[in-house]
Amino acid sequence: IEVEGIADKSLDLSAVKELKRIFNKEKPDI
């Protein structure tokens, strides 16, 4: 799964929002 905003950086608030959406949808255990 490719995500904008995380390239070579540890923290990006816009990426947090997109990643949370993905994790809520996909529901990984870890």
PDB file of all heavy atoms in Angstrom:
ATOM      1  N   ILE A   1       0.875  -1.180   0.000  1.00  0.00           N
ATOM      2  CA  ILE A   1       0.000   0.000   0.000  1.00  0.00           C
ATOM      3  C   ILE A   1       0.910   1.227   0.000  1.00  0.00           C
ATOM      4  O   ILE A   1       1.768   1.370   0.871  1.00  0.00           O
ATOM      5  CB  ILE A   1      -0.913   0.025   1.242  1.00  0.00           C
ATOM      6  CG1 ILE A   1      -1.839  -1.180   1.242  1.00  0.00           C
ATOM      7  CG2 ILE A   1      -1.724   1.321   1.284  1.00  0.00           C
ATOM      8  CD1 ILE A   1      -2.705  -1.304   2.491  1.00  0.00           C
ATOM      9  N   GLU A   2       0.738   2.096  -1.005  1.00  0.00           N
ATOM     10  CA  GLU A   2       1.558   3.302  -1.094  1.00  0.00           C
ATOM     11  C   GLU A   2       0.839   4.484  -0.440  1.00  0.00           C
ATOM     12  O   GLU A   2      -0.374   4.645  -0.587  1.00  0.00           O
ATOM     13  CB  GLU A   2       1.864   3.627  -2.554  1.00  0.00           C
ATOM     14  CG  GLU A   2       2.755   2.598  -3.230  1.00  0.00           C
ATOM     15  CD  GLU A   2       3.104   2.984  -4.654  1.00  0.00           C
ATOM     16  OE1 GLU A   2       2.193   2.942  -5.500  1.00  0.00           O
ATOM     17  OE2 GLU A   2       4.266   3.348  -4.909  1.00  0.00           O
ATOM     18  N   VAL A   3       1.629   5.301   0.268  1.00  0.00           N
ATOM     19  CA  VAL A   3       1.054   6.420   1.019  1.00  0.00           C
ATOM     20  C   VAL A   3       1.866   7.686   0.745  1.00  0.00           C
ATOM     21  O   VAL A   3       3.100   7.664   0.735  1.00  0.00           O
ATOM     22  CB  VAL A   3       1.056   6.124   2.535  1.00  0.00           C
ATOM     23  CG1 VAL A   3       0.534   7.321   3.319  1.00  0.00           C
ATOM     24  CG2 VAL A   3       0.219   4.893   2.833  1.00  0.00           C
ATOM     25  N   GLU A   4       1.152   8.780   0.511  1.00  0.00           N
ATOM     26  CA  GLU A   4       1.800  10.080   0.357  1.00  0.00           C
ATOM     27  C   GLU A   4       2.227  10.614   1.734  1.00  0.00           C
ATOM     28  O   GLU A   4       1.599  10.319   2.752  1.00  0.00           O
ATOM     29  CB  GLU A   4       0.827  11.095  -0.267  1.00  0.00           C
ATOM     30  CG  GLU A   4       0.356  10.740  -1.664  1.00  0.00           C
ATOM     31  CD  GLU A   4       1.355  11.156  -2.741  1.00  0.00           C
ATOM     32  OE1 GLU A   4       2.466  11.596  -2.369  1.00  0.00           O
ATOM     33  OE2 GLU A   4       1.019  11.022  -3.923  1.00  0.00           O
ATOM     34  N   GLY A   5       3.306  11.393   1.747  1.00  0.00           N
ATOM     35  CA  GLY A   5       3.663  12.137   2.948  1.00  0.00           C
ATOM     36  C   GLY A   5       4.606  11.458   3.915  1.00  0.00           C
ATOM     37  O   GLY A   5       5.038  12.067   4.889  1.00  0.00           O
ATOM     38  N   ILE A   6       4.952  10.173   3.663  1.00  0.00           N
ATOM     39  CA  ILE A   6       5.846   9.496   4.606  1.00  0.00           C
ATOM     40  C   ILE A   6       7.257   9.326   4.047  1.00  0.00           C
ATOM     41  O   ILE A   6       8.128   8.762   4.718  1.00  0.00           O
ATOM     42  CB  ILE A   6       5.296   8.124   5.024  1.00  0.00           C
ATOM     43  CG1 ILE A   6       5.219   7.155   3.835  1.00  0.00           C
ATOM     44  CG2 ILE A   6       3.929   8.260   5.682  1.00  0.00           C
ATOM     45  CD1 ILE A   6       4.881   5.725   4.241  1.00  0.00           C
ATOM     46  N   ALA A   7       7.502   9.812   2.838  1.00  0.00           N
ATOM     47  CA  ALA A   7       8.784   9.580   2.180  1.00  0.00           C
ATOM     48  C   ALA A   7       9.937  10.217   2.940  1.00  0.00           C
ATOM     49  O   ALA A   7      10.042  11.444   3.056  1.00  0.00           O
ATOM     50  CB  ALA A   7       8.748  10.120   0.745  1.00  0.00           C
ATOM     51  N   ASP A   8      10.812   9.353   3.459  1.00  0.00           N
ATOM     52  CA  ASP A   8      12.059   9.778   4.113  1.00  0.00           C
ATOM     53  C   ASP A   8      11.841  10.775   5.239  1.00  0.00           C
ATOM     54  O   ASP A   8      12.693  11.627   5.491  1.00  0.00           O
ATOM     55  CB  ASP A   8      13.029  10.354   3.072  1.00  0.00           C
ATOM     56  CG  ASP A   8      13.407   9.335   2.017  1.00  0.00           C
ATOM     57  OD1 ASP A   8      13.607   8.161   2.371  1.00  0.00           O
ATOM     58  OD2 ASP A   8      13.470   9.703   0.831  1.00  0.00           O
ATOM     59  N   LYS A   9      10.716  10.679   5.908  1.00  0.00           N
ATOM     60  CA  LYS A   9      10.482  11.534   7.072  1.00  0.00           C
ATOM     61  C   LYS A   9       9.724  10.742   8.129  1.00  0.00           C
ATOM     62  O   LYS A   9       8.925   9.865   7.815  1.00  0.00           O
ATOM     63  CB  LYS A   9       9.739  12.807   6.694  1.00  0.00           C
ATOM     64  CG  LYS A   9       8.330  12.602   6.187  1.00  0.00           C
ATOM     65  CD  LYS A   9       7.577  13.919   6.022  1.00  0.00           C
ATOM     66  CE  LYS A   9       8.033  14.659   4.784  1.00  0.00           C
ATOM     67  NZ  LYS A   9       7.138  15.822   4.486  1.00  0.00           N
ATOM     68  N   SER A  10       9.980  11.073   9.374  1.00  0.00           N
ATOM     69  CA  SER A  10       9.348  10.342  10.460  1.00  0.00           C
ATOM     70  C   SER A  10       7.934  10.831  10.744  1.00  0.00           C
ATOM     71  O   SER A  10       7.037  10.028  10.996  1.00  0.00           O
ATOM     72  CB  SER A  10      10.193  10.454  11.733  1.00  0.00           C
ATOM     73  OG  SER A  10       9.580   9.781  12.802  1.00  0.00           O
ATOM     74  N   LEU A  11       7.729  12.153  10.695  1.00  0.00           N
ATOM     75  CA  LEU A  11       6.435  12.693  11.101  1.00  0.00           C
ATOM     76  C   LEU A  11       5.876  13.664  10.073  1.00  0.00           C
ATOM     77  O   LEU A  11       6.557  14.600   9.649  1.00  0.00           O
ATOM     78  CB  LEU A  11       6.568  13.411  12.443  1.00  0.00           C
ATOM     79  CG  LEU A  11       5.297  14.038  13.019  1.00  0.00           C
ATOM     80  CD1 LEU A  11       4.237  12.977  13.260  1.00  0.00           C
ATOM     81  CD2 LEU A  11       5.605  14.785  14.303  1.00  0.00           C
ATOM     82  N   ASP A  12       4.635  13.423   9.655  1.00  0.00           N
ATOM     83  CA  ASP A  12       3.890  14.307   8.774  1.00  0.00           C
ATOM     84  C   ASP A  12       2.417  14.175   9.164  1.00  0.00           C
ATOM     85  O   ASP A  12       1.844  13.085   9.077  1.00  0.00           O
ATOM     86  CB  ASP A  12       4.109  13.928   7.309  1.00  0.00           C
ATOM     87  CG  ASP A  12       3.406  14.880   6.357  1.00  0.00           C
ATOM     88  OD1 ASP A  12       2.169  14.877   6.336  1.00  0.00           O
ATOM     89  OD2 ASP A  12       4.104  15.603   5.625  1.00  0.00           O
ATOM     90  N   LEU A  13       1.809  15.266   9.614  1.00  0.00           N
ATOM     91  CA  LEU A  13       0.449  15.194  10.145  1.00  0.00           C
ATOM     92  C   LEU A  13      -0.571  14.768   9.097  1.00  0.00           C
ATOM     93  O   LEU A  13      -1.530  14.059   9.409  1.00  0.00           O
ATOM     94  CB  LEU A  13       0.059  16.543  10.757  1.00  0.00           C
ATOM     95  CG  LEU A  13       0.873  16.945  12.000  1.00  0.00           C
ATOM     96  CD1 LEU A  13       0.397  18.288  12.528  1.00  0.00           C
ATOM     97  CD2 LEU A  13       0.785  15.883  13.088  1.00  0.00           C
ATOM     98  N   SER A  14      -0.363  15.167   7.843  1.00  0.00           N
ATOM     99  CA  SER A  14      -1.286  14.745   6.793  1.00  0.00           C
ATOM    100  C   SER A  14      -1.189  13.238   6.567  1.00  0.00           C
ATOM    101  O   SER A  14      -2.189  12.562   6.269  1.00  0.00           O
ATOM    102  CB  SER A  14      -1.005  15.498   5.490  1.00  0.00           C
ATOM    103  OG  SER A  14       0.296  15.184   4.991  1.00  0.00           O
ATOM    104  N   ALA A  15       0.020  12.697   6.728  1.00  0.00           N
ATOM    105  CA  ALA A  15       0.213  11.261   6.571  1.00  0.00           C
ATOM    106  C   ALA A  15      -0.448  10.495   7.715  1.00  0.00           C
ATOM    107  O   ALA A  15      -0.964   9.385   7.511  1.00  0.00           O
ATOM    108  CB  ALA A  15       1.700  10.929   6.512  1.00  0.00           C
ATOM    109  N   VAL A  16      -0.440  11.078   8.908  1.00  0.00           N
ATOM    110  CA  VAL A  16      -1.094  10.440  10.052  1.00  0.00           C
ATOM    111  C   VAL A  16      -2.576  10.196   9.744  1.00  0.00           C
ATOM    112  O   VAL A  16      -3.112   9.108   9.988  1.00  0.00           O
ATOM    113  CB  VAL A  16      -0.951  11.294  11.330  1.00  0.00           C
ATOM    114  CG1 VAL A  16      -1.812  10.722  12.460  1.00  0.00           C
ATOM    115  CG2 VAL A  16       0.507  11.381  11.760  1.00  0.00           C
ATOM    116  N   LYS A  17      -3.227  11.202   9.172  1.00  0.00           N
ATOM    117  CA  LYS A  17      -4.655  11.100   8.848  1.00  0.00           C
ATOM    118  C   LYS A  17      -4.901   9.990   7.831  1.00  0.00           C
ATOM    119  O   LYS A  17      -5.822   9.166   7.995  1.00  0.00           O
ATOM    120  CB  LYS A  17      -5.156  12.432   8.303  1.00  0.00           C
ATOM    121  CG  LYS A  17      -6.642  12.458   7.994  1.00  0.00           C
ATOM    122  CD  LYS A  17      -7.075  13.840   7.508  1.00  0.00           C
ATOM    123  CE  LYS A  17      -8.574  13.853   7.181  1.00  0.00           C
ATOM    124  NZ  LYS A  17      -9.008  15.192   6.693  1.00  0.00           N
ATOM    125  N   GLU A  18      -4.082   9.922   6.783  1.00  0.00           N
ATOM    126  CA  GLU A  18      -4.259   8.914   5.750  1.00  0.00           C
ATOM    127  C   GLU A  18      -3.959   7.514   6.287  1.00  0.00           C
ATOM    128  O   GLU A  18      -4.673   6.541   6.000  1.00  0.00           O
ATOM    129  CB  GLU A  18      -3.358   9.222   4.553  1.00  0.00           C
ATOM    130  CG  GLU A  18      -3.337   8.174   3.451  1.00  0.00           C
ATOM    131  CD  GLU A  18      -4.703   7.941   2.800  1.00  0.00           C
ATOM    132  OE1 GLU A  18      -5.647   8.721   3.047  1.00  0.00           O
ATOM    133  OE2 GLU A  18      -4.825   6.962   2.049  1.00  0.00           O
ATOM    134  N   LEU A  19      -2.905   7.402   7.083  1.00  0.00           N
ATOM    135  CA  LEU A  19      -2.553   6.102   7.652  1.00  0.00           C
ATOM    136  C   LEU A  19      -3.638   5.601   8.608  1.00  0.00           C
ATOM    137  O   LEU A  19      -3.976   4.413   8.612  1.00  0.00           O
ATOM    138  CB  LEU A  19      -1.212   6.201   8.386  1.00  0.00           C
ATOM    139  CG  LEU A  19       0.035   6.299   7.480  1.00  0.00           C
ATOM    140  CD1 LEU A  19       1.233   6.775   8.281  1.00  0.00           C
ATOM    141  CD2 LEU A  19       0.341   4.953   6.820  1.00  0.00           C
ATOM    142  N   LYS A  20      -4.197   6.511   9.394  1.00  0.00           N
ATOM    143  CA  LYS A  20      -5.275   6.125  10.313  1.00  0.00           C
ATOM    144  C   LYS A  20      -6.483   5.611   9.528  1.00  0.00           C
ATOM    145  O   LYS A  20      -7.115   4.619   9.919  1.00  0.00           O
ATOM    146  CB  LYS A  20      -5.665   7.314  11.196  1.00  0.00           C
ATOM    147  CG  LYS A  20      -6.718   6.978  12.256  1.00  0.00           C
ATOM    148  CD  LYS A  20      -6.885   8.161  13.209  1.00  0.00           C
ATOM    149  CE  LYS A  20      -7.923   7.843  14.291  1.00  0.00           C
ATOM    150  NZ  LYS A  20      -9.291   7.804  13.773  1.00  0.00           N
ATOM    151  N   ARG A  21      -6.772   6.262   8.411  1.00  0.00           N
ATOM    152  CA  ARG A  21      -7.885   5.810   7.567  1.00  0.00           C
ATOM    153  C   ARG A  21      -7.620   4.391   7.067  1.00  0.00           C
ATOM    154  O   ARG A  21      -8.516   3.532   7.092  1.00  0.00           O
ATOM    155  CB  ARG A  21      -8.050   6.768   6.382  1.00  0.00           C
ATOM    156  CG  ARG A  21      -9.244   6.427   5.471  1.00  0.00           C
ATOM    157  CD  ARG A  21      -9.195   7.194   4.172  1.00  0.00           C
ATOM    158  NE  ARG A  21      -8.090   6.780   3.335  1.00  0.00           N
ATOM    159  CZ  ARG A  21      -8.070   5.663   2.601  1.00  0.00           C
ATOM    160  NH1 ARG A  21      -9.105   4.828   2.628  1.00  0.00           N
ATOM    161  NH2 ARG A  21      -7.029   5.365   1.861  1.00  0.00           N
ATOM    162  N   ILE A  22      -6.388   4.136   6.629  1.00  0.00           N
ATOM    163  CA  ILE A  22      -6.023   2.811   6.116  1.00  0.00           C
ATOM    164  C   ILE A  22      -6.120   1.755   7.219  1.00  0.00           C
ATOM    165  O   ILE A  22      -6.684   0.675   7.028  1.00  0.00           O
ATOM    166  CB  ILE A  22      -4.602   2.845   5.524  1.00  0.00           C
ATOM    167  CG1 ILE A  22      -4.584   3.685   4.237  1.00  0.00           C
ATOM    168  CG2 ILE A  22      -4.089   1.425   5.235  1.00  0.00           C
ATOM    169  CD1 ILE A  22      -3.196   3.996   3.720  1.00  0.00           C
ATOM    170  N   PHE A  23      -5.586   2.085   8.390  1.00  0.00           N
ATOM    171  CA  PHE A  23      -5.588   1.113   9.488  1.00  0.00           C
ATOM    172  C   PHE A  23      -7.010   0.837   9.978  1.00  0.00           C
ATOM    173  O   PHE A  23      -7.342  -0.300  10.317  1.00  0.00           O
ATOM    174  CB  PHE A  23      -4.716   1.598  10.644  1.00  0.00           C
ATOM    175  CG  PHE A  23      -3.259   1.771  10.283  1.00  0.00           C
ATOM    176  CD1 PHE A  23      -2.465   2.704  10.949  1.00  0.00           C
ATOM    177  CD2 PHE A  23      -2.669   1.014   9.285  1.00  0.00           C
ATOM    178  CE1 PHE A  23      -1.130   2.867  10.629  1.00  0.00           C
ATOM    179  CE2 PHE A  23      -1.325   1.171   8.948  1.00  0.00           C
ATOM    180  CZ  PHE A  23      -0.560   2.100   9.622  1.00  0.00           C
ATOM    181  N   ASN A  24      -7.840   1.860  10.004  1.00  0.00           N
ATOM    182  CA  ASN A  24      -9.242   1.652  10.401  1.00  0.00           C
ATOM    183  C   ASN A  24      -9.969   0.735   9.417  1.00  0.00           C
ATOM    184  O   ASN A  24     -10.793  -0.096   9.796  1.00  0.00           O
ATOM    185  CB  ASN A  24      -9.971   2.989  10.502  1.00  0.00           C
ATOM    186  CG  ASN A  24      -9.708   3.701  11.824  1.00  0.00           C
ATOM    187  OD1 ASN A  24      -9.513   3.065  12.847  1.00  0.00           O
ATOM    188  ND2 ASN A  24      -9.701   5.023  11.799  1.00  0.00           N
ATOM    189  N   LYS A  25      -9.633   0.896   8.135  1.00  0.00           N
ATOM    190  CA  LYS A  25     -10.272   0.082   7.098  1.00  0.00           C
ATOM    191  C   LYS A  25      -9.735  -1.352   7.096  1.00  0.00           C
ATOM    192  O   LYS A  25     -10.508  -2.315   7.009  1.00  0.00           O
ATOM    193  CB  LYS A  25     -10.037   0.729   5.729  1.00  0.00           C
ATOM    194  CG  LYS A  25     -10.603  -0.080   4.568  1.00  0.00           C
ATOM    195  CD  LYS A  25     -10.231   0.558   3.229  1.00  0.00           C
ATOM    196  CE  LYS A  25     -10.701  -0.310   2.066  1.00  0.00           C
ATOM    197  NZ  LYS A  25     -10.269   0.248   0.751  1.00  0.00           N
ATOM    198  N   GLU A  26      -8.422  -1.495   7.191  1.00  0.00           N
ATOM    199  CA  GLU A  26      -7.788  -2.804   7.040  1.00  0.00           C
ATOM    200  C   GLU A  26      -7.749  -3.605   8.337  1.00  0.00           C
ATOM    201  O   GLU A  26      -7.638  -4.831   8.313  1.00  0.00           O
ATOM    202  CB  GLU A  26      -6.348  -2.621   6.519  1.00  0.00           C
ATOM    203  CG  GLU A  26      -6.258  -1.962   5.153  1.00  0.00           C
ATOM    204  CD  GLU A  26      -6.500  -2.948   4.032  1.00  0.00           C
ATOM    205  OE1 GLU A  26      -6.465  -4.171   4.297  1.00  0.00           O
ATOM    206  OE2 GLU A  26      -6.715  -2.514   2.890  1.00  0.00           O
ATOM    207  N   LYS A  27      -7.764  -2.907   9.466  1.00  0.00           N
ATOM    208  CA  LYS A  27      -7.773  -3.541  10.790  1.00  0.00           C
ATOM    209  C   LYS A  27      -6.626  -4.547  11.011  1.00  0.00           C
ATOM    210  O   LYS A  27      -6.868  -5.729  11.356  1.00  0.00           O
ATOM    211  CB  LYS A  27      -9.120  -4.209  11.044  1.00  0.00           C
ATOM    212  CG  LYS A  27     -10.270  -3.228  11.150  1.00  0.00           C
ATOM    213  CD  LYS A  27     -11.586  -3.921  11.415  1.00  0.00           C
ATOM    214  CE  LYS A  27     -12.691  -2.919  11.746  1.00  0.00           C
ATOM    215  NZ  LYS A  27     -12.785  -1.783  10.812  1.00  0.00           N
ATOM    216  N   PRO A  28      -5.382  -4.106  10.855  1.00  0.00           N
ATOM    217  CA  PRO A  28      -4.267  -5.002  11.195  1.00  0.00           C
ATOM    218  C   PRO A  28      -4.210  -5.225  12.706  1.00  0.00           C
ATOM    219  O   PRO A  28      -4.585  -4.352  13.493  1.00  0.00           O
ATOM    220  CB  PRO A  28      -3.036  -4.240  10.704  1.00  0.00           C
ATOM    221  CG  PRO A  28      -3.444  -2.798  10.728  1.00  0.00           C
ATOM    222  CD  PRO A  28      -4.907  -2.796  10.378  1.00  0.00           C
ATOM    223  N   ASP A  29      -3.737  -6.392  13.111  1.00  0.00           N
ATOM    224  CA  ASP A  29      -3.531  -6.656  14.536  1.00  0.00           C
ATOM    225  C   ASP A  29      -2.310  -5.895  15.052  1.00  0.00           C
ATOM    226  O   ASP A  29      -2.315  -5.373  16.169  1.00  0.00           O
ATOM    227  CB  ASP A  29      -3.324  -8.157  14.766  1.00  0.00           C
ATOM    228  CG  ASP A  29      -4.534  -8.965  14.344  1.00  0.00           C
ATOM    229  OD1 ASP A  29      -5.616  -8.730  14.897  1.00  0.00           O
ATOM    230  OD2 ASP A  29      -4.389  -9.815  13.436  1.00  0.00           O
ATOM    231  N   ILE A  30      -1.257  -5.881  14.211  1.00  0.00           N
ATOM    232  CA  ILE A  30       0.004  -5.237  14.589  1.00  0.00           C
ATOM    233  C   ILE A  30       0.461  -4.323  13.465  1.00  0.00           C
ATOM    234  O   ILE A  30       0.441  -4.702  12.295  1.00  0.00           O
ATOM    235  CB  ILE A  30       1.104  -6.284  14.855  1.00  0.00           C
ATOM    236  CG1 ILE A  30       0.734  -7.168  16.046  1.00  0.00           C
ATOM    237  CG2 ILE A  30       2.460  -5.613  15.093  1.00  0.00           C
ATOM    238  CD1 ILE A  30       1.668  -8.352  16.231  1.00  0.00           C
TER     239      ILE A  30
END
